[in-house]
């Protein structure tokens, strides 16, 4: 059997079963486990089924932490956090089921190469921060905010934050011991994560800053050729100013993103809620600046049209 943690399928074409779930197809996999499309045979609904891989699940502490913290996440109900239906174990295999989403991850959106304007970046920033604020108020830190863990719903552009439970099942440095091709680059880790220090919710704000920096510039804030070099860069190297890489991003938004990326947590916004309040002010400033620019352009165009109608002076 391809997935030895699954029981034999009950329907032709299925991959197998896990508890009362028919596992229909694989949707993806990562350093922590697998994601399947499944059918809940009790409630007759399609779900996304996440299963811990056997290597991670072999650690009794990882299993307990996964189940305990994922159950806490399941109690969160917010428009910007994916809805978790069930968390449990089947034959010693930890799993969680969640709503089946349509759309794409922010990582996939970034790969399309289409740049976002500042209004879209601010909208995504507000939605991500609002979801984080809700989780932080419940005492839950994500610790792995990155484009692959941010979902954009098809048709609505609503953001859903993914993978709280999987992220909390291990530390970031545990994940870095895997292959880069599996876990992606560690460019979204906060300096305190790179230093393996105790974390609070401001580590998520740094990671949000790295995500927004990439939306603004097309690249992550700091990058090295090796994992040790990357960790040193996160701790010591400052990101290149956004406006040097993309002059289309308003100054006020650049400054706020760079505030998120400050090396010491105390120098960042004090909370996700505080960040949202600052973002509101930045949005008003950006809109005012944009309105002035449009008015100037219209005035210049109007003067040019008048001059053309009058013709050359004789």
C-alpha atoms as a PDB file:
ATOM      1  CA  UNK A   1       0.000   0.000   0.000  1.00  0.00           C
ATOM      2  CA  UNK A   2       1.280   3.462  -0.899  1.00  0.00           C
ATOM      3  CA  UNK A   3       0.287   4.892   2.504  1.00  0.00           C
ATOM      4  CA  UNK A   4       0.774   2.175   5.079  1.00  0.00           C
ATOM      5  CA  UNK A   5      -1.033   4.153   7.797  1.00  0.00           C
ATOM      6  CA  UNK A   6      -4.291   3.857   5.813  1.00  0.00           C
ATOM      7  CA  UNK A   7      -6.658   0.912   6.007  1.00  0.00           C
ATOM      8  CA  UNK A   8      -7.700  -0.752   2.720  1.00  0.00           C
ATOM      9  CA  UNK A   9     -10.159   1.255   0.599  1.00  0.00           C
ATOM     10  CA  UNK A  10     -13.858   0.487   0.701  1.00  0.00           C
ATOM     11  CA  UNK A  11     -14.521   2.052  -2.704  1.00  0.00           C
ATOM     12  CA  UNK A  12     -12.759   1.550  -6.020  1.00  0.00           C
ATOM     13  CA  UNK A  13     -10.379   4.382  -6.825  1.00  0.00           C
ATOM     14  CA  UNK A  14      -9.896   5.500  -3.208  1.00  0.00           C
ATOM     15  CA  UNK A  15      -6.461   5.497  -1.583  1.00  0.00           C
ATOM     16  CA  UNK A  16      -7.792   3.925   1.610  1.00  0.00           C
ATOM     17  CA  UNK A  17      -9.594   4.778   4.833  1.00  0.00           C
ATOM     18  CA  UNK A  18      -8.625   6.445   8.099  1.00  0.00           C
ATOM     19  CA  UNK A  19     -11.213   5.983  10.815  1.00  0.00           C
ATOM     20  CA  UNK A  20     -14.572   7.045   9.344  1.00  0.00           C
ATOM     21  CA  UNK A  21     -12.928   8.966   6.500  1.00  0.00           C
ATOM     22  CA  UNK A  22     -12.696   7.728   2.930  1.00  0.00           C
ATOM     23  CA  UNK A  23      -9.334   8.989   1.633  1.00  0.00           C
ATOM     24  CA  UNK A  24      -9.913   9.854  -2.001  1.00  0.00           C
ATOM     25  CA  UNK A  25      -6.759  11.588  -3.268  1.00  0.00           C
ATOM     26  CA  UNK A  26      -3.546  13.237  -2.146  1.00  0.00           C
ATOM     27  CA  UNK A  27      -3.593  17.047  -2.274  1.00  0.00           C
ATOM     28  CA  UNK A  28      -0.070  17.715  -1.044  1.00  0.00           C
ATOM     29  CA  UNK A  29       2.684  16.839   1.398  1.00  0.00           C
ATOM     30  CA  UNK A  30       5.327  18.592   3.481  1.00  0.00           C
ATOM     31  CA  UNK A  31       7.859  18.087   6.235  1.00  0.00           C
ATOM     32  CA  UNK A  32       5.150  17.431   8.820  1.00  0.00           C
ATOM     33  CA  UNK A  33       2.795  15.164   6.901  1.00  0.00           C
ATOM     34  CA  UNK A  34       0.244  14.655   4.140  1.00  0.00           C
ATOM     35  CA  UNK A  35      -2.903  16.408   3.019  1.00  0.00           C
ATOM     36  CA  UNK A  36      -5.714  14.407   1.441  1.00  0.00           C
ATOM     37  CA  UNK A  37      -9.130  15.035  -0.001  1.00  0.00           C
ATOM     38  CA  UNK A  38     -11.441  12.829   2.026  1.00  0.00           C
ATOM     39  CA  UNK A  39     -15.102  12.145   2.631  1.00  0.00           C
ATOM     40  CA  UNK A  40     -16.518  12.139   6.148  1.00  0.00           C
ATOM     41  CA  UNK A  41     -18.795   9.104   5.947  1.00  0.00           C
ATOM     42  CA  UNK A  42     -20.698  10.118   9.089  1.00  0.00           C
ATOM     43  CA  UNK A  43     -21.542  13.711   8.102  1.00  0.00           C
ATOM     44  CA  UNK A  44     -21.389  13.104   4.325  1.00  0.00           C
ATOM     45  CA  UNK A  45     -19.159  16.086   3.594  1.00  0.00           C
ATOM     46  CA  UNK A  46     -15.898  16.605   1.735  1.00  0.00           C
ATOM     47  CA  UNK A  47     -12.979  17.605   3.972  1.00  0.00           C
ATOM     48  CA  UNK A  48      -9.243  18.217   3.857  1.00  0.00           C
ATOM     49  CA  UNK A  49      -7.554  15.525   5.963  1.00  0.00           C
ATOM     50  CA  UNK A  50      -4.088  16.258   7.366  1.00  0.00           C
ATOM     51  CA  UNK A  51      -2.121  13.297   8.660  1.00  0.00           C
ATOM     52  CA  UNK A  52       1.148  13.465  10.600  1.00  0.00           C
ATOM     53  CA  UNK A  53       3.921  11.539   8.904  1.00  0.00           C
ATOM     54  CA  UNK A  54       5.161   8.430  10.658  1.00  0.00           C
ATOM     55  CA  UNK A  55       8.588   9.818  11.574  1.00  0.00           C
ATOM     56  CA  UNK A  56       7.112  12.776  13.456  1.00  0.00           C
ATOM     57  CA  UNK A  57       4.237  10.683  14.834  1.00  0.00           C
ATOM     58  CA  UNK A  58       6.722   8.203  16.329  1.00  0.00           C
ATOM     59  CA  UNK A  59       7.543  10.791  18.979  1.00  0.00           C
ATOM     60  CA  UNK A  60       5.006  10.485  21.760  1.00  0.00           C
ATOM     61  CA  UNK A  61       5.623  14.103  22.823  1.00  0.00           C
ATOM     62  CA  UNK A  62       5.014  15.380  19.292  1.00  0.00           C
ATOM     63  CA  UNK A  63       1.762  13.430  19.127  1.00  0.00           C
ATOM     64  CA  UNK A  64       0.498  14.803  22.423  1.00  0.00           C
ATOM     65  CA  UNK A  65       1.478  18.350  21.557  1.00  0.00           C
ATOM     66  CA  UNK A  66      -0.080  18.083  18.101  1.00  0.00           C
ATOM     67  CA  UNK A  67      -3.400  16.852  19.455  1.00  0.00           C
ATOM     68  CA  UNK A  68      -3.484  19.237  22.432  1.00  0.00           C
ATOM     69  CA  UNK A  69      -2.673  22.412  20.538  1.00  0.00           C
ATOM     70  CA  UNK A  70      -4.643  21.497  17.423  1.00  0.00           C
ATOM     71  CA  UNK A  71      -7.712  20.974  19.614  1.00  0.00           C
ATOM     72  CA  UNK A  72      -7.184  24.477  20.953  1.00  0.00           C
ATOM     73  CA  UNK A  73      -7.102  25.689  17.338  1.00  0.00           C
ATOM     74  CA  UNK A  74     -10.300  23.798  16.588  1.00  0.00           C
ATOM     75  CA  UNK A  75     -12.020  26.024  19.143  1.00  0.00           C
ATOM     76  CA  UNK A  76     -11.147  29.104  17.063  1.00  0.00           C
ATOM     77  CA  UNK A  77     -13.884  30.244  14.715  1.00  0.00           C
ATOM     78  CA  UNK A  78     -12.879  33.232  12.622  1.00  0.00           C
ATOM     79  CA  UNK A  79     -13.327  34.264   9.004  1.00  0.00           C
ATOM     80  CA  UNK A  80      -9.553  34.470   8.483  1.00  0.00           C
ATOM     81  CA  UNK A  81      -8.628  31.139  10.100  1.00  0.00           C
ATOM     82  CA  UNK A  82      -9.332  27.812   8.452  1.00  0.00           C
ATOM     83  CA  UNK A  83     -12.111  25.895  10.233  1.00  0.00           C
ATOM     84  CA  UNK A  84     -10.971  22.670  11.896  1.00  0.00           C
ATOM     85  CA  UNK A  85     -13.702  20.047  12.245  1.00  0.00           C
ATOM     86  CA  UNK A  86     -11.971  17.271  14.158  1.00  0.00           C
ATOM     87  CA  UNK A  87      -8.625  16.422  15.737  1.00  0.00           C
ATOM     88  CA  UNK A  88      -7.777  12.923  16.843  1.00  0.00           C
ATOM     89  CA  UNK A  89      -5.819   9.717  16.332  1.00  0.00           C
ATOM     90  CA  UNK A  90      -6.585   6.575  14.384  1.00  0.00           C
ATOM     91  CA  UNK A  91      -4.396   3.532  15.078  1.00  0.00           C
ATOM     92  CA  UNK A  92      -1.809   5.843  16.662  1.00  0.00           C
ATOM     93  CA  UNK A  93      -1.793   8.148  13.604  1.00  0.00           C
ATOM     94  CA  UNK A  94      -2.600  11.780  14.543  1.00  0.00           C
ATOM     95  CA  UNK A  95      -4.866  13.610  12.103  1.00  0.00           C
ATOM     96  CA  UNK A  96      -7.036  16.666  11.730  1.00  0.00           C
ATOM     97  CA  UNK A  97      -9.842  17.457   9.342  1.00  0.00           C
ATOM     98  CA  UNK A  98     -10.764  20.897   8.120  1.00  0.00           C
ATOM     99  CA  UNK A  99     -12.925  22.680   5.609  1.00  0.00           C
ATOM    100  CA  UNK A 100     -12.171  21.984   1.968  1.00  0.00           C
ATOM    101  CA  UNK A 101     -11.145  25.264   0.370  1.00  0.00           C
ATOM    102  CA  UNK A 102     -11.196  26.438  -3.239  1.00  0.00           C
ATOM    103  CA  UNK A 103      -8.582  28.834  -4.482  1.00  0.00           C
ATOM    104  CA  UNK A 104      -4.810  28.959  -4.057  1.00  0.00           C
ATOM    105  CA  UNK A 105      -2.095  29.678  -1.530  1.00  0.00           C
ATOM    106  CA  UNK A 106      -0.355  33.032  -1.466  1.00  0.00           C
ATOM    107  CA  UNK A 107       2.775  31.145  -2.496  1.00  0.00           C
ATOM    108  CA  UNK A 108       1.026  30.023  -5.677  1.00  0.00           C
ATOM    109  CA  UNK A 109      -0.257  33.568  -6.191  1.00  0.00           C
ATOM    110  CA  UNK A 110       3.295  34.897  -5.890  1.00  0.00           C
ATOM    111  CA  UNK A 111       4.558  32.362  -8.424  1.00  0.00           C
ATOM    112  CA  UNK A 112       2.165  33.785 -11.034  1.00  0.00           C
ATOM    113  CA  UNK A 113       4.409  36.843 -11.201  1.00  0.00           C
ATOM    114  CA  UNK A 114       1.534  39.343 -11.286  1.00  0.00           C
ATOM    115  CA  UNK A 115       2.407  42.260  -8.962  1.00  0.00           C
ATOM    116  CA  UNK A 116      -0.098  43.494  -6.388  1.00  0.00           C
ATOM    117  CA  UNK A 117      -0.896  47.175  -5.940  1.00  0.00           C
ATOM    118  CA  UNK A 118      -0.621  48.762  -2.509  1.00  0.00           C
ATOM    119  CA  UNK A 119      -4.391  48.504  -1.892  1.00  0.00           C
ATOM    120  CA  UNK A 120      -4.303  44.723  -2.399  1.00  0.00           C
ATOM    121  CA  UNK A 121      -1.221  44.364  -0.193  1.00  0.00           C
ATOM    122  CA  UNK A 122      -2.910  46.357   2.585  1.00  0.00           C
ATOM    123  CA  UNK A 123      -6.069  44.243   2.249  1.00  0.00           C
ATOM    124  CA  UNK A 124      -4.108  40.982   2.575  1.00  0.00           C
ATOM    125  CA  UNK A 125      -2.062  42.417   5.462  1.00  0.00           C
ATOM    126  CA  UNK A 126      -5.204  43.410   7.359  1.00  0.00           C
ATOM    127  CA  UNK A 127      -6.862  40.024   6.885  1.00  0.00           C
ATOM    128  CA  UNK A 128      -3.780  38.056   7.956  1.00  0.00           C
ATOM    129  CA  UNK A 129      -3.208  40.300  10.981  1.00  0.00           C
ATOM    130  CA  UNK A 130      -6.878  40.068  11.986  1.00  0.00           C
ATOM    131  CA  UNK A 131      -6.723  36.268  11.958  1.00  0.00           C
ATOM    132  CA  UNK A 132      -3.475  36.325  13.937  1.00  0.00           C
ATOM    133  CA  UNK A 133      -4.914  38.783  16.468  1.00  0.00           C
ATOM    134  CA  UNK A 134      -7.821  36.428  17.133  1.00  0.00           C
ATOM    135  CA  UNK A 135      -5.480  33.459  17.675  1.00  0.00           C
ATOM    136  CA  UNK A 136      -3.076  35.496  19.809  1.00  0.00           C
ATOM    137  CA  UNK A 137      -5.925  36.583  22.079  1.00  0.00           C
ATOM    138  CA  UNK A 138      -6.530  32.868  22.729  1.00  0.00           C
ATOM    139  CA  UNK A 139      -2.858  32.355  23.569  1.00  0.00           C
ATOM    140  CA  UNK A 140      -1.956  30.576  20.318  1.00  0.00           C
ATOM    141  CA  UNK A 141       1.116  31.547  18.302  1.00  0.00           C
ATOM    142  CA  UNK A 142       1.357  30.258  14.741  1.00  0.00           C
ATOM    143  CA  UNK A 143       5.193  30.274  14.440  1.00  0.00           C
ATOM    144  CA  UNK A 144       5.207  29.374  10.751  1.00  0.00           C
ATOM    145  CA  UNK A 145       3.558  32.254   8.878  1.00  0.00           C
ATOM    146  CA  UNK A 146       4.649  32.077   5.245  1.00  0.00           C
ATOM    147  CA  UNK A 147       2.914  32.303   1.839  1.00  0.00           C
ATOM    148  CA  UNK A 148       2.365  28.534   1.709  1.00  0.00           C
ATOM    149  CA  UNK A 149       0.289  28.778   4.915  1.00  0.00           C
ATOM    150  CA  UNK A 150      -1.939  31.595   3.677  1.00  0.00           C
ATOM    151  CA  UNK A 151      -4.929  30.661   1.528  1.00  0.00           C
ATOM    152  CA  UNK A 152      -6.765  33.002  -0.852  1.00  0.00           C
ATOM    153  CA  UNK A 153     -10.351  31.908  -1.398  1.00  0.00           C
ATOM    154  CA  UNK A 154     -11.527  31.746  -4.972  1.00  0.00           C
ATOM    155  CA  UNK A 155     -14.069  34.409  -5.882  1.00  0.00           C
ATOM    156  CA  UNK A 156     -13.881  36.399  -2.634  1.00  0.00           C
ATOM    157  CA  UNK A 157     -10.136  36.988  -2.072  1.00  0.00           C
ATOM    158  CA  UNK A 158     -10.767  36.143   1.587  1.00  0.00           C
ATOM    159  CA  UNK A 159      -7.622  35.106   3.438  1.00  0.00           C
ATOM    160  CA  UNK A 160      -7.553  31.917   5.510  1.00  0.00           C
ATOM    161  CA  UNK A 161      -4.542  31.130   7.709  1.00  0.00           C
ATOM    162  CA  UNK A 162      -3.591  27.454   7.531  1.00  0.00           C
ATOM    163  CA  UNK A 163      -1.572  24.957   9.538  1.00  0.00           C
ATOM    164  CA  UNK A 164      -1.643  26.237  13.087  1.00  0.00           C
ATOM    165  CA  UNK A 165      -1.702  22.670  14.378  1.00  0.00           C
ATOM    166  CA  UNK A 166       1.115  21.362  12.206  1.00  0.00           C
ATOM    167  CA  UNK A 167       3.289  24.397  12.902  1.00  0.00           C
ATOM    168  CA  UNK A 168       2.867  23.999  16.649  1.00  0.00           C
ATOM    169  CA  UNK A 169       3.810  20.336  16.623  1.00  0.00           C
ATOM    170  CA  UNK A 170       7.531  21.130  16.336  1.00  0.00           C
ATOM    171  CA  UNK A 171       9.899  24.042  16.672  1.00  0.00           C
ATOM    172  CA  UNK A 172      11.108  25.876  13.540  1.00  0.00           C
ATOM    173  CA  UNK A 173      14.647  24.598  14.110  1.00  0.00           C
ATOM    174  CA  UNK A 174      13.308  21.033  14.162  1.00  0.00           C
ATOM    175  CA  UNK A 175      11.781  21.692  10.773  1.00  0.00           C
ATOM    176  CA  UNK A 176      15.047  23.122   9.418  1.00  0.00           C
ATOM    177  CA  UNK A 177      16.680  19.742   9.924  1.00  0.00           C
ATOM    178  CA  UNK A 178      14.652  18.435   6.995  1.00  0.00           C
ATOM    179  CA  UNK A 179      15.250  18.993   3.300  1.00  0.00           C
ATOM    180  CA  UNK A 180      14.805  22.477   1.927  1.00  0.00           C
ATOM    181  CA  UNK A 181      12.851  21.073  -1.007  1.00  0.00           C
ATOM    182  CA  UNK A 182      10.273  19.759   1.448  1.00  0.00           C
ATOM    183  CA  UNK A 183       9.944  22.624   3.918  1.00  0.00           C
ATOM    184  CA  UNK A 184      10.818  25.568   1.682  1.00  0.00           C
ATOM    185  CA  UNK A 185      13.288  28.324   2.538  1.00  0.00           C
ATOM    186  CA  UNK A 186      13.490  29.464   6.172  1.00  0.00           C
ATOM    187  CA  UNK A 187      13.354  33.096   5.110  1.00  0.00           C
ATOM    188  CA  UNK A 188      10.215  33.867   7.125  1.00  0.00           C
ATOM    189  CA  UNK A 189      11.595  32.927  10.547  1.00  0.00           C
ATOM    190  CA  UNK A 190      11.974  35.690  13.111  1.00  0.00           C
ATOM    191  CA  UNK A 191      15.403  36.486  14.605  1.00  0.00           C
ATOM    192  CA  UNK A 192      14.290  35.104  17.968  1.00  0.00           C
ATOM    193  CA  UNK A 193      13.343  31.828  16.278  1.00  0.00           C
ATOM    194  CA  UNK A 194      16.737  31.737  14.575  1.00  0.00           C
ATOM    195  CA  UNK A 195      18.346  32.299  18.004  1.00  0.00           C
ATOM    196  CA  UNK A 196      16.152  29.526  19.477  1.00  0.00           C
ATOM    197  CA  UNK A 197      14.817  31.902  22.121  1.00  0.00           C
ATOM    198  CA  UNK A 198      11.434  31.809  23.896  1.00  0.00           C
ATOM    199  CA  UNK A 199       8.722  33.186  21.621  1.00  0.00           C
ATOM    200  CA  UNK A 200       5.721  35.446  21.982  1.00  0.00           C
ATOM    201  CA  UNK A 201       3.169  36.531  19.401  1.00  0.00           C
ATOM    202  CA  UNK A 202       5.518  39.172  17.953  1.00  0.00           C
ATOM    203  CA  UNK A 203       7.422  36.408  16.162  1.00  0.00           C
ATOM    204  CA  UNK A 204       4.329  36.045  13.957  1.00  0.00           C
ATOM    205  CA  UNK A 205       4.481  39.785  13.257  1.00  0.00           C
ATOM    206  CA  UNK A 206       8.047  39.484  11.957  1.00  0.00           C
ATOM    207  CA  UNK A 207       6.991  36.617   9.699  1.00  0.00           C
ATOM    208  CA  UNK A 208       4.044  38.704   8.490  1.00  0.00           C
ATOM    209  CA  UNK A 209       6.555  41.438   7.679  1.00  0.00           C
ATOM    210  CA  UNK A 210       8.596  38.973   5.605  1.00  0.00           C
ATOM    211  CA  UNK A 211       5.445  37.922   3.727  1.00  0.00           C
ATOM    212  CA  UNK A 212       4.500  41.557   3.023  1.00  0.00           C
ATOM    213  CA  UNK A 213       8.068  42.424   2.012  1.00  0.00           C
ATOM    214  CA  UNK A 214       7.881  39.671  -0.589  1.00  0.00           C
ATOM    215  CA  UNK A 215       4.534  40.976  -1.840  1.00  0.00           C
ATOM    216  CA  UNK A 216       6.082  44.424  -2.221  1.00  0.00           C
ATOM    217  CA  UNK A 217       9.385  43.407  -3.810  1.00  0.00           C
ATOM    218  CA  UNK A 218       9.104  39.876  -5.160  1.00  0.00           C
ATOM    219  CA  UNK A 219      11.835  38.597  -2.820  1.00  0.00           C
ATOM    220  CA  UNK A 220      12.212  37.667   0.847  1.00  0.00           C
ATOM    221  CA  UNK A 221      14.004  40.149   3.138  1.00  0.00           C
ATOM    222  CA  UNK A 222      17.270  38.241   3.595  1.00  0.00           C
ATOM    223  CA  UNK A 223      18.567  35.137   1.868  1.00  0.00           C
ATOM    224  CA  UNK A 224      21.717  33.011   2.151  1.00  0.00           C
ATOM    225  CA  UNK A 225      22.952  29.898   0.375  1.00  0.00           C
ATOM    226  CA  UNK A 226      22.939  27.619   3.426  1.00  0.00           C
ATOM    227  CA  UNK A 227      20.740  27.078   6.468  1.00  0.00           C
ATOM    228  CA  UNK A 228      23.441  28.242   8.928  1.00  0.00           C
ATOM    229  CA  UNK A 229      24.086  31.272   6.724  1.00  0.00           C
ATOM    230  CA  UNK A 230      20.372  31.977   6.528  1.00  0.00           C
ATOM    231  CA  UNK A 231      20.006  31.903  10.305  1.00  0.00           C
ATOM    232  CA  UNK A 232      22.943  34.295  10.703  1.00  0.00           C
ATOM    233  CA  UNK A 233      21.448  36.600   8.046  1.00  0.00           C
ATOM    234  CA  UNK A 234      18.071  36.666   9.791  1.00  0.00           C
ATOM    235  CA  UNK A 235      19.765  37.636  13.044  1.00  0.00           C
ATOM    236  CA  UNK A 236      22.271  40.179  11.713  1.00  0.00           C
ATOM    237  CA  UNK A 237      21.443  41.359   8.185  1.00  0.00           C
ATOM    238  CA  UNK A 238      18.942  44.102   7.411  1.00  0.00           C
ATOM    239  CA  UNK A 239      16.608  43.939   4.445  1.00  0.00           C
ATOM    240  CA  UNK A 240      17.205  46.274   1.536  1.00  0.00           C
ATOM    241  CA  UNK A 241      14.754  49.227   1.613  1.00  0.00           C
ATOM    242  CA  UNK A 242      11.541  48.345  -0.207  1.00  0.00           C
ATOM    243  CA  UNK A 243      11.403  51.619  -2.136  1.00  0.00           C
ATOM    244  CA  UNK A 244      14.784  50.826  -3.692  1.00  0.00           C
ATOM    245  CA  UNK A 245      13.290  47.657  -5.150  1.00  0.00           C
ATOM    246  CA  UNK A 246       9.779  48.909  -5.975  1.00  0.00           C
ATOM    247  CA  UNK A 247       9.133  52.634  -6.218  1.00  0.00           C
ATOM    248  CA  UNK A 248       5.394  51.995  -6.636  1.00  0.00           C
ATOM    249  CA  UNK A 249       4.944  51.131  -2.954  1.00  0.00           C
ATOM    250  CA  UNK A 250       4.020  54.233  -0.890  1.00  0.00           C
ATOM    251  CA  UNK A 251       6.584  55.399   1.677  1.00  0.00           C
ATOM    252  CA  UNK A 252       4.217  54.937   4.617  1.00  0.00           C
ATOM    253  CA  UNK A 253       3.571  51.285   3.761  1.00  0.00           C
ATOM    254  CA  UNK A 254       7.299  50.653   3.272  1.00  0.00           C
ATOM    255  CA  UNK A 255       8.030  52.062   6.727  1.00  0.00           C
ATOM    256  CA  UNK A 256       5.381  49.910   8.417  1.00  0.00           C
ATOM    257  CA  UNK A 257       6.631  46.709   6.776  1.00  0.00           C
ATOM    258  CA  UNK A 258      10.184  47.530   7.848  1.00  0.00           C
ATOM    259  CA  UNK A 259       8.920  48.097  11.401  1.00  0.00           C
ATOM    260  CA  UNK A 260       7.574  44.526  11.405  1.00  0.00           C
ATOM    261  CA  UNK A 261      11.034  43.335  10.332  1.00  0.00           C
ATOM    262  CA  UNK A 262      12.956  44.899  13.193  1.00  0.00           C
ATOM    263  CA  UNK A 263      15.321  42.446  14.858  1.00  0.00           C
ATOM    264  CA  UNK A 264      14.098  42.948  18.427  1.00  0.00           C
ATOM    265  CA  UNK A 265      10.448  42.093  19.215  1.00  0.00           C
ATOM    266  CA  UNK A 266      10.026  45.210  21.383  1.00  0.00           C
ATOM    267  CA  UNK A 267      10.739  47.402  18.333  1.00  0.00           C
ATOM    268  CA  UNK A 268       7.852  45.926  16.311  1.00  0.00           C
ATOM    269  CA  UNK A 269       4.179  46.817  16.735  1.00  0.00           C
ATOM    270  CA  UNK A 270       3.193  45.592  20.199  1.00  0.00           C
ATOM    271  CA  UNK A 271       0.440  43.323  18.872  1.00  0.00           C
ATOM    272  CA  UNK A 272      -1.444  42.298  15.755  1.00  0.00           C
ATOM    273  CA  UNK A 273      -4.297  44.574  16.851  1.00  0.00           C
ATOM    274  CA  UNK A 274      -1.882  47.495  17.186  1.00  0.00           C
ATOM    275  CA  UNK A 275      -0.534  46.698  13.722  1.00  0.00           C
ATOM    276  CA  UNK A 276      -4.058  46.832  12.270  1.00  0.00           C
ATOM    277  CA  UNK A 277      -4.565  50.259  13.840  1.00  0.00           C
ATOM    278  CA  UNK A 278      -1.309  51.482  12.309  1.00  0.00           C
ATOM    279  CA  UNK A 279      -2.320  49.931   8.989  1.00  0.00           C
ATOM    280  CA  UNK A 280      -5.546  51.964   8.994  1.00  0.00           C
ATOM    281  CA  UNK A 281      -3.505  55.161   9.342  1.00  0.00           C
ATOM    282  CA  UNK A 282      -1.111  54.053   6.624  1.00  0.00           C
ATOM    283  CA  UNK A 283      -3.993  53.277   4.277  1.00  0.00           C
ATOM    284  CA  UNK A 284      -5.464  56.763   4.735  1.00  0.00           C
ATOM    285  CA  UNK A 285      -2.068  58.356   4.110  1.00  0.00           C
ATOM    286  CA  UNK A 286      -1.474  56.223   1.009  1.00  0.00           C
ATOM    287  CA  UNK A 287      -4.941  56.978  -0.376  1.00  0.00           C
ATOM    288  CA  UNK A 288      -4.428  60.700   0.219  1.00  0.00           C
ATOM    289  CA  UNK A 289      -1.051  60.572  -1.489  1.00  0.00           C
ATOM    290  CA  UNK A 290      -2.527  58.619  -4.389  1.00  0.00           C
ATOM    291  CA  UNK A 291      -5.440  61.072  -4.669  1.00  0.00           C
ATOM    292  CA  UNK A 292      -3.070  64.022  -4.832  1.00  0.00           C
ATOM    293  CA  UNK A 293      -0.994  62.293  -7.509  1.00  0.00           C
ATOM    294  CA  UNK A 294      -4.115  61.584  -9.576  1.00  0.00           C
ATOM    295  CA  UNK A 295      -5.289  65.192  -9.207  1.00  0.00           C
ATOM    296  CA  UNK A 296      -1.883  66.488 -10.335  1.00  0.00           C
ATOM    297  CA  UNK A 297      -1.867  64.143 -13.317  1.00  0.00           C
ATOM    298  CA  UNK A 298      -5.386  65.232 -14.290  1.00  0.00           C
ATOM    299  CA  UNK A 299      -4.412  68.891 -13.961  1.00  0.00           C
ATOM    300  CA  UNK A 300      -1.326  68.397 -16.100  1.00  0.00           C
ATOM    301  CA  UNK A 301      -3.368  66.547 -18.709  1.00  0.00           C
ATOM    302  CA  UNK A 302      -5.977  69.289 -18.687  1.00  0.00           C
ATOM    303  CA  UNK A 303      -3.360  72.006 -19.186  1.00  0.00           C
ATOM    304  CA  UNK A 304      -1.769  69.998 -21.969  1.00  0.00           C
ATOM    305  CA  UNK A 305      -5.142  69.587 -23.719  1.00  0.00           C
ATOM    306  CA  UNK A 306      -5.805  73.344 -23.448  1.00  0.00           C
ATOM    307  CA  UNK A 307      -2.396  74.143 -24.890  1.00  0.00           C
ATOM    308  CA  UNK A 308      -2.971  71.773 -27.804  1.00  0.00           C
ATOM    309  CA  UNK A 309      -6.370  73.315 -28.588  1.00  0.00           C
ATOM    310  CA  UNK A 310      -4.957  76.862 -28.622  1.00  0.00           C
ATOM    311  CA  UNK A 311      -2.168  75.850 -30.956  1.00  0.00           C
ATOM    312  CA  UNK A 312       1.197  77.616 -31.334  1.00  0.00           C
ATOM    313  CA  UNK A 313       1.471  81.285 -30.394  1.00  0.00           C
ATOM    314  CA  UNK A 314       1.917  83.559 -33.507  1.00  0.00           C
END
